Amino acid sequence: MTATAGSAARLYFETGLELPTGRPAPSAVPTAVANFPGDNAIQDLARLSNTVTRWREYDRGGHFPALQAPRELISDIREFFGSLPHTL
């Protein structure tokens, strides 16, 4: 073990102290979620603090999609940024 659990958890603890609700303030930035197997993102929670404009569920890949499903990830990223208005 690397004995880094405390420092890794510190960010979450400090964020909870700064915000009365314990979650980030809502963001107006268009956000995309590519949910690969093994990482169970929850739409309702993601929408609490993000403006989710694109949500994709994949049946292939995993926690490291750039290594496990690179074509799907690249395609998703290109489609998302290609769909944004050029004025952003």
N, C-alpha and C. Protein backbone atom coordinates (compact mmCIF):
# COMPACT_ATOMS: atom_id res chain seq x y z
N MET A 1 0.83 -1.17 0.00
CA MET A 1 0.00 0.00 0.00
C MET A 1 0.89 1.25 0.00
N THR A 2 0.38 2.29 -0.61
CA THR A 2 1.17 3.52 -0.74
C THR A 2 0.87 4.55 0.34
N ALA A 3 -0.08 4.26 1.20
CA ALA A 3 -0.46 5.17 2.29
C ALA A 3 -0.91 6.55 1.77
N THR A 4 -1.65 6.56 0.66
CA THR A 4 -2.11 7.82 0.09
C THR A 4 -3.62 8.01 0.19
N ALA A 5 -4.32 7.13 0.89
CA ALA A 5 -5.78 7.24 0.97
C ALA A 5 -6.20 8.56 1.61
N GLY A 6 -5.49 8.98 2.65
CA GLY A 6 -5.84 10.24 3.32
C GLY A 6 -5.72 11.44 2.41
N SER A 7 -4.62 11.53 1.69
CA SER A 7 -4.45 12.68 0.81
C SER A 7 -5.41 12.62 -0.37
N ALA A 8 -5.76 11.42 -0.81
CA ALA A 8 -6.73 11.30 -1.91
C ALA A 8 -8.12 11.73 -1.45
N ALA A 9 -8.48 11.42 -0.22
CA ALA A 9 -9.82 11.75 0.29
C ALA A 9 -9.91 13.21 0.75
N ARG A 10 -8.80 13.86 0.95
CA ARG A 10 -8.79 15.23 1.47
C ARG A 10 -9.59 16.19 0.59
N LEU A 11 -9.47 16.05 -0.73
CA LEU A 11 -10.21 16.91 -1.66
C LEU A 11 -11.70 16.84 -1.39
N TYR A 12 -12.23 15.64 -1.20
CA TYR A 12 -13.66 15.49 -0.96
C TYR A 12 -14.06 16.10 0.38
N PHE A 13 -13.24 15.91 1.39
CA PHE A 13 -13.51 16.48 2.71
C PHE A 13 -13.53 18.01 2.65
N GLU A 14 -12.51 18.60 2.02
CA GLU A 14 -12.43 20.05 1.95
C GLU A 14 -13.55 20.65 1.11
N THR A 15 -13.92 19.98 0.05
CA THR A 15 -15.03 20.46 -0.78
C THR A 15 -16.31 20.47 0.02
N GLY A 16 -16.52 19.45 0.84
CA GLY A 16 -17.70 19.37 1.68
C GLY A 16 -17.75 20.48 2.71
N LEU A 17 -16.60 20.93 3.19
CA LEU A 17 -16.56 22.02 4.16
C LEU A 17 -16.91 23.36 3.53
N GLU A 18 -16.51 23.56 2.27
CA GLU A 18 -16.72 24.84 1.60
C GLU A 18 -18.15 25.05 1.15
N LEU A 19 -18.84 23.98 0.83
CA LEU A 19 -20.19 24.10 0.29
C LEU A 19 -21.22 23.63 1.31
N PRO A 20 -22.22 24.45 1.59
CA PRO A 20 -23.22 24.05 2.58
C PRO A 20 -23.99 22.80 2.16
N THR A 21 -24.16 22.57 0.87
CA THR A 21 -24.91 21.41 0.41
C THR A 21 -24.03 20.17 0.28
N GLY A 22 -22.71 20.35 0.29
CA GLY A 22 -21.81 19.22 0.11
C GLY A 22 -21.63 18.81 -1.34
N ARG A 23 -22.13 19.63 -2.26
CA ARG A 23 -21.95 19.33 -3.68
C ARG A 23 -21.59 20.62 -4.41
N PRO A 24 -20.98 20.50 -5.58
CA PRO A 24 -20.55 21.68 -6.32
C PRO A 24 -21.73 22.54 -6.77
N ALA A 25 -21.45 23.81 -6.95
CA ALA A 25 -22.46 24.72 -7.49
C ALA A 25 -22.77 24.32 -8.93
N PRO A 26 -24.00 24.50 -9.37
CA PRO A 26 -24.37 24.14 -10.75
C PRO A 26 -23.51 24.87 -11.79
N SER A 27 -23.20 24.18 -12.86
CA SER A 27 -22.41 24.74 -13.95
C SER A 27 -23.28 24.84 -15.19
N ALA A 28 -23.13 25.92 -15.94
CA ALA A 28 -23.88 26.10 -17.18
C ALA A 28 -23.12 25.56 -18.39
N VAL A 29 -21.94 25.05 -18.18
CA VAL A 29 -21.11 24.54 -19.27
C VAL A 29 -21.72 23.25 -19.82
N PRO A 30 -21.93 23.15 -21.14
CA PRO A 30 -22.45 21.91 -21.71
C PRO A 30 -21.51 20.74 -21.36
N THR A 31 -22.10 19.67 -20.86
CA THR A 31 -21.32 18.53 -20.39
C THR A 31 -21.78 17.25 -21.08
N ALA A 32 -20.82 16.42 -21.46
CA ALA A 32 -21.11 15.12 -22.05
C ALA A 32 -20.62 14.04 -21.10
N VAL A 33 -21.38 12.94 -21.04
CA VAL A 33 -20.98 11.80 -20.23
C VAL A 33 -20.93 10.57 -21.13
N ALA A 34 -19.79 9.91 -21.15
CA ALA A 34 -19.63 8.63 -21.83
C ALA A 34 -19.49 7.59 -20.73
N ASN A 35 -20.53 6.82 -20.49
CA ASN A 35 -20.58 5.89 -19.37
C ASN A 35 -20.21 4.49 -19.87
N PHE A 36 -19.01 4.06 -19.51
CA PHE A 36 -18.52 2.75 -19.92
C PHE A 36 -18.75 1.73 -18.80
N PRO A 37 -18.83 0.44 -19.14
CA PRO A 37 -19.05 -0.59 -18.11
C PRO A 37 -17.99 -0.51 -17.01
N GLY A 38 -18.44 -0.72 -15.79
CA GLY A 38 -17.54 -0.68 -14.65
C GLY A 38 -17.52 0.67 -13.96
N ASP A 39 -17.94 1.71 -14.65
CA ASP A 39 -18.07 3.04 -14.05
C ASP A 39 -19.54 3.42 -14.13
N ASN A 40 -20.21 3.32 -13.02
CA ASN A 40 -21.65 3.53 -13.01
C ASN A 40 -22.00 4.97 -12.68
N ALA A 41 -21.98 5.82 -13.70
CA ALA A 41 -22.41 7.20 -13.51
C ALA A 41 -23.93 7.20 -13.36
N ILE A 42 -24.43 8.10 -12.54
CA ILE A 42 -25.86 8.17 -12.28
C ILE A 42 -26.36 9.50 -12.81
N GLN A 43 -27.27 9.42 -13.79
CA GLN A 43 -27.73 10.63 -14.47
C GLN A 43 -28.30 11.67 -13.52
N ASP A 44 -29.16 11.26 -12.61
CA ASP A 44 -29.79 12.24 -11.71
C ASP A 44 -28.74 12.99 -10.89
N LEU A 45 -27.72 12.31 -10.42
CA LEU A 45 -26.67 12.98 -9.65
C LEU A 45 -25.82 13.87 -10.53
N ALA A 46 -25.51 13.40 -11.73
CA ALA A 46 -24.70 14.20 -12.65
C ALA A 46 -25.42 15.49 -13.03
N ARG A 47 -26.72 15.43 -13.18
CA ARG A 47 -27.51 16.60 -13.58
C ARG A 47 -27.68 17.62 -12.45
N LEU A 48 -27.40 17.24 -11.21
CA LEU A 48 -27.52 18.19 -10.09
C LEU A 48 -26.53 19.34 -10.22
N SER A 49 -25.35 19.07 -10.73
CA SER A 49 -24.33 20.12 -10.78
C SER A 49 -23.76 20.34 -12.18
N ASN A 50 -24.32 19.69 -13.19
CA ASN A 50 -23.83 19.84 -14.56
C ASN A 50 -24.99 20.05 -15.51
N THR A 51 -24.72 20.72 -16.60
CA THR A 51 -25.69 20.85 -17.68
C THR A 51 -25.38 19.74 -18.68
N VAL A 52 -25.94 18.57 -18.42
CA VAL A 52 -25.65 17.40 -19.25
C VAL A 52 -26.46 17.51 -20.54
N THR A 53 -25.74 17.66 -21.65
CA THR A 53 -26.39 17.79 -22.95
C THR A 53 -26.23 16.53 -23.80
N ARG A 54 -25.40 15.62 -23.32
CA ARG A 54 -25.18 14.36 -24.06
C ARG A 54 -24.84 13.28 -23.05
N TRP A 55 -25.53 12.14 -23.17
CA TRP A 55 -25.29 11.00 -22.28
C TRP A 55 -25.26 9.75 -23.15
N ARG A 56 -24.17 9.04 -23.10
CA ARG A 56 -24.04 7.80 -23.89
C ARG A 56 -23.64 6.65 -22.97
N GLU A 57 -24.33 5.53 -23.13
CA GLU A 57 -24.01 4.29 -22.41
C GLU A 57 -23.32 3.35 -23.40
N TYR A 58 -22.23 2.76 -22.98
CA TYR A 58 -21.48 1.85 -23.84
C TYR A 58 -21.47 0.46 -23.22
N ASP A 59 -21.52 -0.55 -24.07
CA ASP A 59 -21.49 -1.93 -23.58
C ASP A 59 -20.10 -2.55 -23.66
N ARG A 60 -19.15 -1.78 -24.15
CA ARG A 60 -17.77 -2.26 -24.28
C ARG A 60 -16.84 -1.20 -23.70
N GLY A 61 -15.75 -1.63 -23.14
CA GLY A 61 -14.80 -0.70 -22.54
C GLY A 61 -14.75 -0.91 -21.04
N GLY A 62 -14.44 0.12 -20.30
CA GLY A 62 -14.35 0.00 -18.85
C GLY A 62 -13.83 1.29 -18.26
N HIS A 63 -13.14 1.18 -17.13
CA HIS A 63 -12.66 2.35 -16.41
C HIS A 63 -11.59 3.12 -17.18
N PHE A 64 -10.91 2.45 -18.09
CA PHE A 64 -9.87 3.10 -18.90
C PHE A 64 -10.26 3.01 -20.38
N PRO A 65 -11.30 3.75 -20.80
CA PRO A 65 -11.80 3.61 -22.17
C PRO A 65 -10.78 3.98 -23.25
N ALA A 66 -9.84 4.85 -22.95
CA ALA A 66 -8.83 5.21 -23.96
C ALA A 66 -7.99 3.99 -24.34
N LEU A 67 -7.85 3.05 -23.42
CA LEU A 67 -7.11 1.82 -23.70
C LEU A 67 -8.03 0.67 -24.10
N GLN A 68 -9.23 0.63 -23.53
CA GLN A 68 -10.12 -0.51 -23.72
C GLN A 68 -11.09 -0.36 -24.89
N ALA A 69 -11.47 0.86 -25.21
CA ALA A 69 -12.41 1.11 -26.31
C ALA A 69 -12.07 2.45 -26.96
N PRO A 70 -10.86 2.59 -27.50
CA PRO A 70 -10.43 3.90 -28.01
C PRO A 70 -11.29 4.43 -29.15
N ARG A 71 -11.74 3.58 -30.04
CA ARG A 71 -12.55 4.06 -31.17
C ARG A 71 -13.86 4.66 -30.69
N GLU A 72 -14.50 3.98 -29.74
CA GLU A 72 -15.77 4.48 -29.22
C GLU A 72 -15.56 5.82 -28.50
N LEU A 73 -14.51 5.90 -27.70
CA LEU A 73 -14.23 7.13 -26.96
C LEU A 73 -13.92 8.29 -27.90
N ILE A 74 -13.06 8.08 -28.86
CA ILE A 74 -12.70 9.13 -29.81
C ILE A 74 -13.92 9.60 -30.59
N SER A 75 -14.72 8.65 -31.03
CA SER A 75 -15.93 8.99 -31.77
C SER A 75 -16.87 9.83 -30.91
N ASP A 76 -17.04 9.44 -29.65
CA ASP A 76 -17.92 10.17 -28.76
C ASP A 76 -17.43 11.60 -28.53
N ILE A 77 -16.14 11.75 -28.29
CA ILE A 77 -15.56 13.08 -28.07
C ILE A 77 -15.72 13.95 -29.31
N ARG A 78 -15.44 13.40 -30.47
CA ARG A 78 -15.57 14.17 -31.72
C ARG A 78 -17.01 14.59 -31.97
N GLU A 79 -17.95 13.66 -31.76
CA GLU A 79 -19.36 13.99 -31.97
C GLU A 79 -19.82 15.08 -31.02
N PHE A 80 -19.41 15.00 -29.75
CA PHE A 80 -19.84 16.00 -28.78
C PHE A 80 -19.31 17.38 -29.15
N PHE A 81 -18.01 17.50 -29.37
CA PHE A 81 -17.45 18.81 -29.68
C PHE A 81 -17.90 19.31 -31.04
N GLY A 82 -18.19 18.41 -31.95
CA GLY A 82 -18.71 18.81 -33.26
C GLY A 82 -20.13 19.34 -33.17
N SER A 83 -20.86 18.95 -32.12
CA SER A 83 -22.25 19.38 -31.99
C SER A 83 -22.40 20.72 -31.27
N LEU A 84 -21.33 21.21 -30.69
CA LEU A 84 -21.39 22.48 -29.95
C LEU A 84 -21.40 23.66 -30.92
N PRO A 85 -22.08 24.74 -30.55
CA PRO A 85 -22.04 25.94 -31.38
C PRO A 85 -20.62 26.49 -31.44
N HIS A 86 -20.26 27.03 -32.55
CA HIS A 86 -18.90 27.53 -32.72
C HIS A 86 -18.65 28.83 -31.98
N THR A 87 -19.67 29.34 -31.29
CA THR A 87 -19.51 30.60 -30.56
C THR A 87 -19.04 30.40 -29.13
N LEU A 88 -18.91 29.15 -28.69
CA LEU A 88 -18.47 28.90 -27.31
C LEU A 88 -17.00 29.20 -27.15
